[in-house]
Amino acid sequence: MKLGVCLGLFDDRILGLAGVGADYAEVGLSPLQDRTPEEIDERAAQLAAAGVQCRAANLLFPGSVRLVGPQADPAAVQSYLENVLPKAARLGIRRVAFGSSGSRGVPEGGSPEAAFRQLAALCREVVAPLFAAHGMVCCLEPLRRQECNFLNTCAQGARLVEAVDHSAFRLLVDLYHLDAEGEPREDLPRYRGLLAHAHIASAKNGRNVPLPGDGEDYGAFFGALEQAGYDGGVSLEGNFGEDFAGTVRRSISYLRTWAG
């Protein structure tokens, strides 16, 4: 498995990721809407010169783009994606995490089942085809209930992925959210063929990135991913503390024990 780090595209610390052992960078997608293709190309050249691959992204939708409820506008979703996905392609991004709690949350008084049908149709008819056209995969990220009132577990996320039924729409597992929701890691093999990306941070330690002696059993997580047939990227998405480079180096070196 490859190990990456979540960091802003124009945060200059990204240029040092190869030097601290990261295989790739995962950047924010929605900030690209305000950047020109020329700015993206210039940054892509800087990343290439630094030996940094930009393979993944998160922050798929800004909160202003509503996906469910009466304010949802499929035309606006399509317009937004037609702006940002070509820019993401210029960076070499292939996997995009779909968390976006502010966009996909069910409005107060709304029906979760109605929202499920609405989101499934939107992803089947608009989101997945656009991702496929740009050679990318949209990876639905279940979020703990404290952050979103909809699609909180991998089981619920897998149900949506199966309802969308498109190769460009798959499931993401985030260890932090998985543990926060009390989902057994041993359940991950049941999502074989659905998993396309992963995030990692500690639910016991204030969402810090993994470090030796922090009390977490990361081996069980990587073992469950292997049993699920997953061999893709696992991105550090958490708190790095004051010594960013040192923490990333230690965390990635530690996780190589299981990721290879």
Protein backbone atom coordinates (compact mmCIF):
# COMPACT_ATOMS: atom_id res chain seq x y z
CA MET A 1 0.00 0.00 0.00
CA LYS A 2 1.04 3.59 -0.63
CA LEU A 3 1.17 6.13 2.22
CA GLY A 4 0.19 9.74 1.60
CA VAL A 5 -0.37 12.98 3.50
CA CYS A 6 -3.34 15.35 3.39
CA LEU A 7 -2.17 18.93 2.90
CA GLY A 8 -3.23 22.04 1.02
CA LEU A 9 -1.97 22.27 -2.56
CA PHE A 10 -0.46 25.72 -2.01
CA ASP A 11 0.92 24.95 1.45
CA ASP A 12 4.66 24.95 0.77
CA ARG A 13 5.21 22.08 3.21
CA ILE A 14 3.80 19.88 0.43
CA LEU A 15 7.04 20.32 -1.52
CA GLY A 16 8.95 18.42 1.17
CA LEU A 17 6.73 15.34 1.36
CA ALA A 18 8.95 13.09 -0.73
CA GLY A 19 11.85 13.93 1.57
CA VAL A 20 9.99 12.67 4.65
CA GLY A 21 8.96 9.38 3.06
CA ALA A 22 5.46 10.08 1.71
CA ASP A 23 4.45 8.32 -1.49
CA TYR A 24 1.98 11.01 -2.52
CA ALA A 25 0.06 14.13 -1.48
CA GLU A 26 -3.70 14.42 -0.99
CA VAL A 27 -4.93 17.98 -1.53
CA GLY A 28 -8.21 19.87 -1.24
CA LEU A 29 -10.38 19.83 -4.36
CA SER A 30 -12.88 22.61 -3.72
CA PRO A 31 -10.17 25.34 -3.41
CA LEU A 32 -9.29 24.62 -7.05
CA GLN A 33 -12.49 26.35 -8.19
CA ASP A 34 -10.83 29.72 -7.64
CA ARG A 35 -7.54 28.84 -9.32
CA THR A 36 -6.73 29.25 -13.01
CA PRO A 37 -5.44 26.38 -15.15
CA GLU A 38 -2.16 28.28 -15.43
CA GLU A 39 -1.79 28.40 -11.65
CA ILE A 40 -2.52 24.68 -11.46
CA ASP A 41 0.06 23.89 -14.15
CA GLU A 42 2.69 25.98 -12.40
CA ARG A 43 2.09 24.17 -9.12
CA ALA A 44 2.09 20.79 -10.85
CA ALA A 45 5.52 21.61 -12.27
CA GLN A 46 6.79 22.58 -8.82
CA LEU A 47 5.50 19.32 -7.35
CA ALA A 48 7.11 17.31 -10.13
CA ALA A 49 10.44 19.05 -9.54
CA ALA A 50 10.16 18.19 -5.84
CA GLY A 51 9.36 14.56 -6.62
CA VAL A 52 5.86 14.79 -5.13
CA GLN A 53 2.98 12.93 -6.76
CA CYS A 54 -0.50 14.40 -6.25
CA ARG A 55 -2.60 11.25 -6.46
CA ALA A 56 -5.65 12.09 -4.34
CA ALA A 57 -7.90 14.88 -3.12
CA ASN A 58 -10.53 15.58 -0.46
CA LEU A 59 -12.96 18.46 0.22
CA LEU A 60 -14.97 17.46 -2.81
CA PHE A 61 -17.87 19.91 -2.45
CA PRO A 62 -18.03 23.28 -0.67
CA GLY A 63 -20.99 23.77 1.67
CA SER A 64 -22.60 26.12 -0.85
CA VAL A 65 -23.22 23.19 -3.21
CA ARG A 66 -26.21 21.32 -1.80
CA LEU A 67 -26.68 17.67 -2.75
CA VAL A 68 -29.88 16.67 -0.96
CA GLY A 69 -33.08 18.37 0.12
CA PRO A 70 -35.16 21.01 -1.67
CA GLN A 71 -32.12 23.24 -2.34
CA ALA A 72 -30.24 20.56 -4.26
CA ASP A 73 -29.50 21.63 -7.83
CA PRO A 74 -28.05 18.94 -10.14
CA ALA A 75 -27.18 21.58 -12.76
CA ALA A 76 -25.12 23.49 -10.19
CA VAL A 77 -23.38 20.27 -9.16
CA GLN A 78 -22.51 19.53 -12.77
CA SER A 79 -21.25 23.07 -13.38
CA TYR A 80 -19.06 22.94 -10.27
CA LEU A 81 -17.55 19.56 -11.19
CA GLU A 82 -16.93 20.69 -14.77
CA ASN A 83 -14.84 23.50 -13.26
CA VAL A 84 -12.75 21.55 -10.74
CA LEU A 85 -12.29 18.08 -12.24
CA PRO A 86 -10.28 19.18 -15.29
CA LYS A 87 -7.98 21.09 -12.92
CA ALA A 88 -7.62 18.03 -10.72
CA ALA A 89 -6.73 15.98 -13.78
CA ARG A 90 -3.90 18.42 -14.58
CA LEU A 91 -2.40 17.53 -11.18
CA GLY A 92 -2.66 13.78 -11.76
CA ILE A 93 -5.38 13.21 -9.15
CA ARG A 94 -7.15 9.86 -9.47
CA ARG A 95 -9.05 9.42 -6.18
CA VAL A 96 -11.28 12.05 -4.54
CA ALA A 97 -12.69 11.64 -1.03
CA PHE A 98 -16.37 12.53 -0.80
CA GLY A 99 -16.94 13.65 2.78
CA SER A 100 -18.50 17.11 2.33
CA SER A 101 -20.75 17.02 5.40
CA GLY A 102 -22.05 20.54 4.73
CA SER A 103 -23.27 19.51 1.30
CA ARG A 104 -24.71 16.07 1.90
CA GLY A 105 -26.29 16.52 5.35
CA VAL A 106 -30.03 15.92 5.53
CA PRO A 107 -31.92 19.20 6.20
CA GLU A 108 -33.77 19.45 9.51
CA GLY A 109 -37.03 17.54 9.27
CA GLY A 110 -35.95 15.80 6.09
CA SER A 111 -36.21 12.10 5.42
CA PRO A 112 -32.93 10.13 5.39
CA GLU A 113 -34.43 7.61 2.97
CA ALA A 114 -35.58 10.35 0.61
CA ALA A 115 -32.10 11.89 0.84
CA PHE A 116 -30.58 8.48 0.08
CA ARG A 117 -32.63 8.11 -3.09
CA GLN A 118 -31.91 11.69 -4.13
CA LEU A 119 -28.16 11.36 -3.58
CA ALA A 120 -28.01 7.95 -5.28
CA ALA A 121 -29.68 9.36 -8.38
CA LEU A 122 -27.42 12.43 -8.43
CA CYS A 123 -24.28 10.34 -8.10
CA ARG A 124 -25.45 7.81 -10.70
CA GLU A 125 -26.53 10.39 -13.28
CA VAL A 126 -24.13 13.31 -12.74
CA VAL A 127 -21.22 12.69 -10.36
CA ALA A 128 -19.97 9.26 -11.41
CA PRO A 129 -20.13 9.87 -15.18
CA LEU A 130 -18.16 13.11 -14.84
CA PHE A 131 -15.53 11.42 -12.68
CA ALA A 132 -15.27 8.57 -15.18
CA ALA A 133 -14.83 11.04 -18.04
CA HIS A 134 -11.75 12.43 -16.29
CA GLY A 135 -10.30 9.06 -15.32
CA MET A 136 -11.06 9.51 -11.61
CA VAL A 137 -12.97 7.72 -8.87
CA CYS A 138 -15.27 9.45 -6.37
CA CYS A 139 -14.79 7.75 -2.98
CA LEU A 140 -17.68 8.12 -0.54
CA GLU A 141 -16.38 8.74 2.98
CA PRO A 142 -18.63 7.75 5.90
CA LEU A 143 -18.39 10.44 8.61
CA ARG A 144 -19.01 10.07 12.34
CA ARG A 145 -22.41 11.30 13.46
CA GLN A 146 -20.90 14.29 15.29
CA GLU A 147 -19.87 15.67 11.89
CA CYS A 148 -22.76 14.61 9.67
CA ASN A 149 -26.29 13.25 10.12
CA PHE A 150 -26.17 11.04 7.04
CA LEU A 151 -24.09 8.05 5.90
CA ASN A 152 -22.07 7.55 9.07
CA THR A 153 -20.88 3.95 8.70
CA CYS A 154 -19.17 1.86 6.07
CA ALA A 155 -22.24 -0.36 5.95
CA GLN A 156 -24.42 2.64 5.08
CA GLY A 157 -21.83 3.93 2.61
CA ALA A 158 -21.57 0.56 0.90
CA ARG A 159 -25.34 0.55 0.44
CA LEU A 160 -25.11 3.85 -1.45
CA VAL A 161 -22.18 2.65 -3.54
CA GLU A 162 -24.15 -0.43 -4.53
CA ALA A 163 -27.22 1.68 -5.33
CA VAL A 164 -25.18 3.99 -7.58
CA ASP A 165 -23.65 0.93 -9.27
CA HIS A 166 -20.90 2.71 -11.19
CA SER A 167 -17.19 1.88 -11.36
CA ALA A 168 -16.28 5.55 -10.78
CA PHE A 169 -18.15 5.65 -7.46
CA ARG A 170 -16.59 3.66 -4.64
CA LEU A 171 -16.12 3.55 -0.86
CA LEU A 172 -13.49 5.14 1.38
CA VAL A 173 -12.69 3.88 4.86
CA ASP A 174 -11.31 6.31 7.44
CA LEU A 175 -9.98 4.62 10.58
CA TYR A 176 -10.89 7.65 12.71
CA HIS A 177 -14.55 7.59 11.70
CA LEU A 178 -14.67 3.78 11.70
CA ASP A 179 -13.55 3.62 15.32
CA ALA A 180 -15.64 6.63 16.38
CA GLU A 181 -18.75 4.82 15.11
CA GLY A 182 -17.71 1.56 16.78
CA GLU A 183 -17.55 -0.43 13.54
CA PRO A 184 -15.46 -3.59 13.85
CA ARG A 185 -12.34 -3.54 11.73
CA GLU A 186 -13.00 -7.21 11.01
CA ASP A 187 -16.00 -6.14 8.93
CA LEU A 188 -13.85 -4.49 6.25
CA PRO A 189 -13.37 -7.66 4.15
CA ARG A 190 -17.09 -7.63 3.38
CA TYR A 191 -16.46 -4.50 1.29
CA ARG A 192 -14.10 -6.30 -1.07
CA GLY A 193 -14.36 -4.71 -4.51
CA LEU A 194 -15.94 -1.53 -3.12
CA LEU A 195 -12.97 0.07 -1.32
CA ALA A 196 -10.96 2.54 -3.38
CA HIS A 197 -9.23 4.81 -0.83
CA ALA A 198 -8.41 5.07 2.88
CA HIS A 199 -7.59 7.66 5.55
CA ILE A 200 -5.91 7.09 8.89
CA ALA A 201 -5.77 8.90 12.24
CA SER A 202 -6.22 7.92 15.88
CA ALA A 203 -9.66 8.09 17.48
CA LYS A 204 -8.10 7.56 20.93
CA ASN A 205 -5.65 10.44 20.69
CA GLY A 206 -7.51 13.54 19.54
CA ARG A 207 -7.27 12.64 15.85
CA ASN A 208 -3.48 12.65 15.89
CA VAL A 209 -1.70 10.83 13.09
CA PRO A 210 -0.36 7.38 14.02
CA LEU A 211 2.83 7.27 16.09
CA PRO A 212 4.67 4.49 17.94
CA GLY A 213 3.33 3.86 21.42
CA ASP A 214 0.07 5.78 20.98
CA GLY A 215 -2.04 2.82 22.10
CA GLU A 216 -3.70 2.03 18.77
CA ASP A 217 -3.64 -1.29 16.93
CA TYR A 218 -2.89 -0.22 13.39
CA GLY A 219 -1.83 -3.72 12.40
CA ALA A 220 -5.42 -4.90 12.71
CA PHE A 221 -6.57 -2.12 10.39
CA PHE A 222 -4.00 -2.86 7.70
CA GLY A 223 -4.64 -6.58 8.09
CA ALA A 224 -8.36 -6.05 7.51
CA LEU A 225 -7.60 -3.93 4.43
CA GLU A 226 -5.43 -6.71 3.04
CA GLN A 227 -8.17 -9.27 3.68
CA ALA A 228 -10.52 -6.99 1.73
CA GLY A 229 -8.13 -7.14 -1.20
CA TYR A 230 -7.23 -3.47 -0.86
CA ASP A 231 -3.77 -2.32 -1.96
CA GLY A 232 -4.30 1.36 -2.72
CA GLY A 233 -3.43 4.57 -0.90
CA VAL A 234 -3.75 5.28 2.83
CA SER A 235 -3.56 9.00 3.62
CA LEU A 236 -2.57 10.50 6.96
CA GLU A 237 -5.42 12.90 7.75
CA GLY A 238 -5.08 14.26 11.26
CA ASN A 239 -3.10 16.44 13.62
CA PHE A 240 0.67 16.62 13.06
CA GLY A 241 1.69 18.87 15.95
CA GLU A 242 4.33 21.58 15.76
CA ASP A 243 7.03 19.47 14.11
CA PHE A 244 5.22 18.66 10.86
CA ALA A 245 8.13 17.12 8.96
CA GLY A 246 9.38 15.12 11.91
CA THR A 247 5.93 13.81 12.76
CA VAL A 248 5.21 12.79 9.16
CA ARG A 249 8.56 11.03 8.92
CA ARG A 250 7.99 9.10 12.16
CA SER A 251 4.39 8.22 11.32
CA ILE A 252 5.12 6.94 7.83
CA SER A 253 8.18 4.99 8.98
CA TYR A 254 6.02 3.37 11.68
CA LEU A 255 3.18 2.50 9.30
CA ARG A 256 5.59 0.89 6.84
CA THR A 257 5.58 -2.00 9.33
CA TRP A 258 2.21 -2.99 7.86
CA ALA A 259 1.89 -1.04 4.60
CA GLY A 260 5.19 -2.26 3.18
